[in-house]
Amino acid sequence: MNKKASFVHPYLMQLLGYHLILRINELNTEKKHVVTEDEASEAIANSIFAYEQRALKPLLDELPNGEKKYLRIMSDCLNEDRLAATADISRSMGTTQNKLSKTRACLINNGIIAAPEQGKVMFCIPYLADYVKKEPHMSDAVEIARQRRV
């Protein structure tokens, strides 16, 4: 597995290891094993799903609707450097940058986004930019168990 999947985030690294070992133990009872690309890919997918359900969903559930909307629009405005212009966000939301400054400040103060340069913002939490774009988030315990093959 590589650093790209975990973003060197300790919790994601733990999940990746857990899901990889879980998958290997399901398939192989031998003491020696060489991890395949498919096994690594499946472990990454299962880890990201678990991370979304255990970390990202609860985070978004706690945010006011205005902050959730800001994050969704921000994710649509990301450029190739993974930065979003605050002017683009305000234009997409149909309001002014001044009216969004309190929302932006709350997200920055809570460590969800950062302002690395004047007029630009970026996500601080791995996978959040993609997660906020998803349709209504699954919360049904049975469906989650099926996804994780529990």
C-alpha atoms as a PDB file:
ATOM      1  CA  MET A   1       0.000   0.000   0.000  1.00  0.00           C
ATOM      2  CA  ASN A   2       1.161   3.496  -0.572  1.00  0.00           C
ATOM      3  CA  LYS A   3       1.116   6.843   1.152  1.00  0.00           C
ATOM      4  CA  LYS A   4      -1.446   8.188  -1.318  1.00  0.00           C
ATOM      5  CA  ALA A   5      -4.200   5.976   0.072  1.00  0.00           C
ATOM      6  CA  SER A   6      -3.622   7.034   3.682  1.00  0.00           C
ATOM      7  CA  PHE A   7      -2.377  10.586   3.167  1.00  0.00           C
ATOM      8  CA  VAL A   8      -0.090   9.536   6.062  1.00  0.00           C
ATOM      9  CA  HIS A   9      -3.113  10.017   8.315  1.00  0.00           C
ATOM     10  CA  PRO A  10      -2.678   7.734  11.371  1.00  0.00           C
ATOM     11  CA  TYR A  11      -6.301   6.591  11.542  1.00  0.00           C
ATOM     12  CA  LEU A  12      -6.377   5.789   7.822  1.00  0.00           C
ATOM     13  CA  MET A  13      -3.088   3.910   8.117  1.00  0.00           C
ATOM     14  CA  GLN A  14      -4.577   1.833  10.941  1.00  0.00           C
ATOM     15  CA  LEU A  15      -7.722   1.109   8.919  1.00  0.00           C
ATOM     16  CA  LEU A  16      -5.685   0.107   5.866  1.00  0.00           C
ATOM     17  CA  GLY A  17      -3.642  -2.372   7.884  1.00  0.00           C
ATOM     18  CA  TYR A  18      -6.700  -3.773   9.596  1.00  0.00           C
ATOM     19  CA  HIS A  19      -8.643  -4.313   6.368  1.00  0.00           C
ATOM     20  CA  LEU A  20      -5.649  -5.791   4.581  1.00  0.00           C
ATOM     21  CA  ILE A  21      -5.000  -8.329   7.348  1.00  0.00           C
ATOM     22  CA  LEU A  22      -8.716  -9.099   7.606  1.00  0.00           C
ATOM     23  CA  ARG A  23      -8.853  -9.846   3.864  1.00  0.00           C
ATOM     24  CA  ILE A  24      -5.674 -11.946   3.892  1.00  0.00           C
ATOM     25  CA  ASN A  25      -6.942 -13.994   6.849  1.00  0.00           C
ATOM     26  CA  GLU A  26     -10.200 -14.662   4.988  1.00  0.00           C
ATOM     27  CA  LEU A  27      -8.388 -15.962   1.919  1.00  0.00           C
ATOM     28  CA  ASN A  28      -5.251 -17.559   3.215  1.00  0.00           C
ATOM     29  CA  THR A  29      -4.442 -19.809   6.137  1.00  0.00           C
ATOM     30  CA  GLU A  30      -0.759 -20.172   5.287  1.00  0.00           C
ATOM     31  CA  LYS A  31       1.829 -18.349   7.346  1.00  0.00           C
ATOM     32  CA  LYS A  32       3.501 -16.735   4.334  1.00  0.00           C
ATOM     33  CA  HIS A  33       1.634 -14.493   1.960  1.00  0.00           C
ATOM     34  CA  VAL A  34       2.500 -11.958  -0.727  1.00  0.00           C
ATOM     35  CA  VAL A  35      -0.126  -9.238  -0.973  1.00  0.00           C
ATOM     36  CA  THR A  36      -1.626  -8.850  -4.445  1.00  0.00           C
ATOM     37  CA  GLU A  37      -2.724  -5.615  -6.080  1.00  0.00           C
ATOM     38  CA  ASP A  38      -6.341  -6.778  -5.870  1.00  0.00           C
ATOM     39  CA  GLU A  39      -6.039  -7.426  -2.135  1.00  0.00           C
ATOM     40  CA  ALA A  40      -4.464  -4.027  -1.579  1.00  0.00           C
ATOM     41  CA  SER A  41      -7.147  -2.328  -3.699  1.00  0.00           C
ATOM     42  CA  GLU A  42      -9.927  -4.052  -1.800  1.00  0.00           C
ATOM     43  CA  ALA A  43      -8.340  -3.130   1.546  1.00  0.00           C
ATOM     44  CA  ILE A  44      -8.090   0.500   0.410  1.00  0.00           C
ATOM     45  CA  ALA A  45     -11.753   0.578  -0.707  1.00  0.00           C
ATOM     46  CA  ASN A  46     -12.944  -1.029   2.555  1.00  0.00           C
ATOM     47  CA  SER A  47     -10.787   1.324   4.628  1.00  0.00           C
ATOM     48  CA  ILE A  48     -12.068   4.415   2.871  1.00  0.00           C
ATOM     49  CA  PHE A  49     -15.651   3.225   3.334  1.00  0.00           C
ATOM     50  CA  ALA A  50     -15.053   2.623   7.049  1.00  0.00           C
ATOM     51  CA  TYR A  51     -13.335   6.013   7.380  1.00  0.00           C
ATOM     52  CA  GLU A  52     -16.261   7.733   5.682  1.00  0.00           C
ATOM     53  CA  GLN A  53     -18.765   6.065   8.021  1.00  0.00           C
ATOM     54  CA  ARG A  54     -16.751   6.474  11.237  1.00  0.00           C
ATOM     55  CA  ALA A  55     -15.123   9.865  10.696  1.00  0.00           C
ATOM     56  CA  LEU A  56     -16.545  11.863   7.793  1.00  0.00           C
ATOM     57  CA  LYS A  57     -20.246  11.150   8.247  1.00  0.00           C
ATOM     58  CA  PRO A  58     -20.245  12.064  11.974  1.00  0.00           C
ATOM     59  CA  LEU A  59     -18.262  15.212  11.162  1.00  0.00           C
ATOM     60  CA  LEU A  60     -20.776  16.329   8.537  1.00  0.00           C
ATOM     61  CA  ASP A  61     -23.724  15.369  10.729  1.00  0.00           C
ATOM     62  CA  GLU A  62     -22.529  17.944  13.280  1.00  0.00           C
ATOM     63  CA  LEU A  63     -22.155  20.819  10.810  1.00  0.00           C
ATOM     64  CA  PRO A  64     -24.855  23.401  10.095  1.00  0.00           C
ATOM     65  CA  ASN A  65     -26.407  23.171   6.624  1.00  0.00           C
ATOM     66  CA  GLY A  66     -24.673  26.369   5.499  1.00  0.00           C
ATOM     67  CA  GLU A  67     -21.249  24.898   6.234  1.00  0.00           C
ATOM     68  CA  LYS A  68     -22.154  21.625   4.492  1.00  0.00           C
ATOM     69  CA  LYS A  69     -23.263  23.576   1.422  1.00  0.00           C
ATOM     70  CA  TYR A  70     -20.029  25.590   1.461  1.00  0.00           C
ATOM     71  CA  LEU A  71     -17.995  22.372   1.512  1.00  0.00           C
ATOM     72  CA  ARG A  72     -20.013  20.835  -1.358  1.00  0.00           C
ATOM     73  CA  ILE A  73     -19.589  23.926  -3.509  1.00  0.00           C
ATOM     74  CA  MET A  74     -15.934  24.211  -2.518  1.00  0.00           C
ATOM     75  CA  SER A  75     -15.324  20.628  -3.656  1.00  0.00           C
ATOM     76  CA  ASP A  76     -16.775  21.510  -7.070  1.00  0.00           C
ATOM     77  CA  CYS A  77     -14.478  24.538  -7.329  1.00  0.00           C
ATOM     78  CA  LEU A  78     -11.191  22.715  -6.653  1.00  0.00           C
ATOM     79  CA  ASN A  79      -8.492  23.241  -9.270  1.00  0.00           C
ATOM     80  CA  GLU A  80      -5.710  20.820 -10.228  1.00  0.00           C
ATOM     81  CA  ASP A  81      -3.723  21.948  -7.152  1.00  0.00           C
ATOM     82  CA  ARG A  82      -6.706  21.025  -4.924  1.00  0.00           C
ATOM     83  CA  LEU A  83      -7.308  24.695  -4.095  1.00  0.00           C
ATOM     84  CA  ALA A  84     -10.606  26.545  -4.477  1.00  0.00           C
ATOM     85  CA  ALA A  85     -10.922  30.273  -5.056  1.00  0.00           C
ATOM     86  CA  THR A  86     -13.235  31.915  -2.521  1.00  0.00           C
ATOM     87  CA  ALA A  87     -14.560  34.126  -5.337  1.00  0.00           C
ATOM     88  CA  ASP A  88     -15.643  31.017  -7.266  1.00  0.00           C
ATOM     89  CA  ILE A  89     -17.308  29.560  -4.180  1.00  0.00           C
ATOM     90  CA  SER A  90     -19.283  32.725  -3.467  1.00  0.00           C
ATOM     91  CA  ARG A  91     -20.281  33.052  -7.131  1.00  0.00           C
ATOM     92  CA  SER A  92     -21.484  29.424  -7.192  1.00  0.00           C
ATOM     93  CA  MET A  93     -23.443  29.990  -3.989  1.00  0.00           C
ATOM     94  CA  GLY A  94     -24.995  33.160  -5.380  1.00  0.00           C
ATOM     95  CA  THR A  95     -23.738  35.438  -2.634  1.00  0.00           C
ATOM     96  CA  THR A  96     -20.800  37.665  -1.747  1.00  0.00           C
ATOM     97  CA  GLN A  97     -17.495  36.676  -0.189  1.00  0.00           C
ATOM     98  CA  ASN A  98     -18.253  38.983   2.742  1.00  0.00           C
ATOM     99  CA  LYS A  99     -21.468  37.104   3.530  1.00  0.00           C
ATOM    100  CA  LEU A 100     -19.583  33.799   3.487  1.00  0.00           C
ATOM    101  CA  SER A 101     -16.680  35.004   5.636  1.00  0.00           C
ATOM    102  CA  LYS A 102     -18.253  33.762   8.905  1.00  0.00           C
ATOM    103  CA  THR A 103     -18.924  30.298   7.418  1.00  0.00           C
ATOM    104  CA  ARG A 104     -15.395  30.140   6.024  1.00  0.00           C
ATOM    105  CA  ALA A 105     -13.922  31.264   9.370  1.00  0.00           C
ATOM    106  CA  CYS A 106     -15.860  28.568  11.275  1.00  0.00           C
ATOM    107  CA  LEU A 107     -14.602  25.860   8.913  1.00  0.00           C
ATOM    108  CA  ILE A 108     -11.034  27.144   9.248  1.00  0.00           C
ATOM    109  CA  ASN A 109     -11.261  27.433  13.046  1.00  0.00           C
ATOM    110  CA  ASN A 110     -12.503  23.832  13.260  1.00  0.00           C
ATOM    111  CA  GLY A 111      -9.590  22.570  11.135  1.00  0.00           C
ATOM    112  CA  ILE A 112     -11.823  21.362   8.314  1.00  0.00           C
ATOM    113  CA  ILE A 113     -10.375  23.706   5.692  1.00  0.00           C
ATOM    114  CA  ALA A 114      -7.349  25.993   5.523  1.00  0.00           C
ATOM    115  CA  ALA A 115      -6.516  29.210   3.695  1.00  0.00           C
ATOM    116  CA  PRO A 116      -3.005  28.567   2.324  1.00  0.00           C
ATOM    117  CA  GLU A 117      -2.971  31.818   0.363  1.00  0.00           C
ATOM    118  CA  GLN A 118      -5.045  34.953  -0.149  1.00  0.00           C
ATOM    119  CA  GLY A 119      -8.436  34.136  -1.669  1.00  0.00           C
ATOM    120  CA  LYS A 120      -7.884  30.358  -1.721  1.00  0.00           C
ATOM    121  CA  VAL A 121      -9.034  27.521   0.512  1.00  0.00           C
ATOM    122  CA  MET A 122      -8.217  23.831   0.691  1.00  0.00           C
ATOM    123  CA  PHE A 123      -9.550  20.759   2.470  1.00  0.00           C
ATOM    124  CA  CYS A 124      -7.557  19.612   5.510  1.00  0.00           C
ATOM    125  CA  ILE A 125      -9.313  16.277   6.031  1.00  0.00           C
ATOM    126  CA  PRO A 126      -8.471  13.385   3.681  1.00  0.00           C
ATOM    127  CA  TYR A 127     -11.278  12.265   1.344  1.00  0.00           C
ATOM    128  CA  LEU A 128     -13.702  14.938   2.564  1.00  0.00           C
ATOM    129  CA  ALA A 129     -13.738  16.753  -0.795  1.00  0.00           C
ATOM    130  CA  ASP A 130     -15.020  13.624  -2.525  1.00  0.00           C
ATOM    131  CA  TYR A 131     -17.298  12.542   0.304  1.00  0.00           C
ATOM    132  CA  VAL A 132     -19.318  15.771   0.362  1.00  0.00           C
ATOM    133  CA  LYS A 133     -20.216  15.199  -3.308  1.00  0.00           C
ATOM    134  CA  LYS A 134     -21.844  11.832  -2.659  1.00  0.00           C
ATOM    135  CA  GLU A 135     -25.580  11.372  -2.624  1.00  0.00           C
ATOM    136  CA  PRO A 136     -27.279  11.088   0.777  1.00  0.00           C
ATOM    137  CA  HIS A 137     -24.889   9.153   2.935  1.00  0.00           C
ATOM    138  CA  MET A 138     -25.734   5.585   3.910  1.00  0.00           C
ATOM    139  CA  SER A 139     -26.409   5.104   7.550  1.00  0.00           C
ATOM    140  CA  ASP A 140     -28.370   1.848   7.539  1.00  0.00           C
ATOM    141  CA  ALA A 141     -26.411  -0.621   9.679  1.00  0.00           C
ATOM    142  CA  VAL A 142     -27.368  -3.622   7.514  1.00  0.00           C
ATOM    143  CA  GLU A 143     -26.124  -1.925   4.334  1.00  0.00           C
ATOM    144  CA  ILE A 144     -22.881  -0.913   6.050  1.00  0.00           C
ATOM    145  CA  ALA A 145     -22.323  -4.497   7.200  1.00  0.00           C
ATOM    146  CA  ARG A 146     -22.907  -5.759   3.658  1.00  0.00           C
ATOM    147  CA  GLN A 147     -20.404  -3.260   2.258  1.00  0.00           C
ATOM    148  CA  ARG A 148     -17.788  -4.353   4.780  1.00  0.00           C
ATOM    149  CA  ARG A 149     -18.665  -8.037   4.300  1.00  0.00           C
ATOM    150  CA  VAL A 150     -19.148  -8.476   8.022  1.00  0.00           C
END
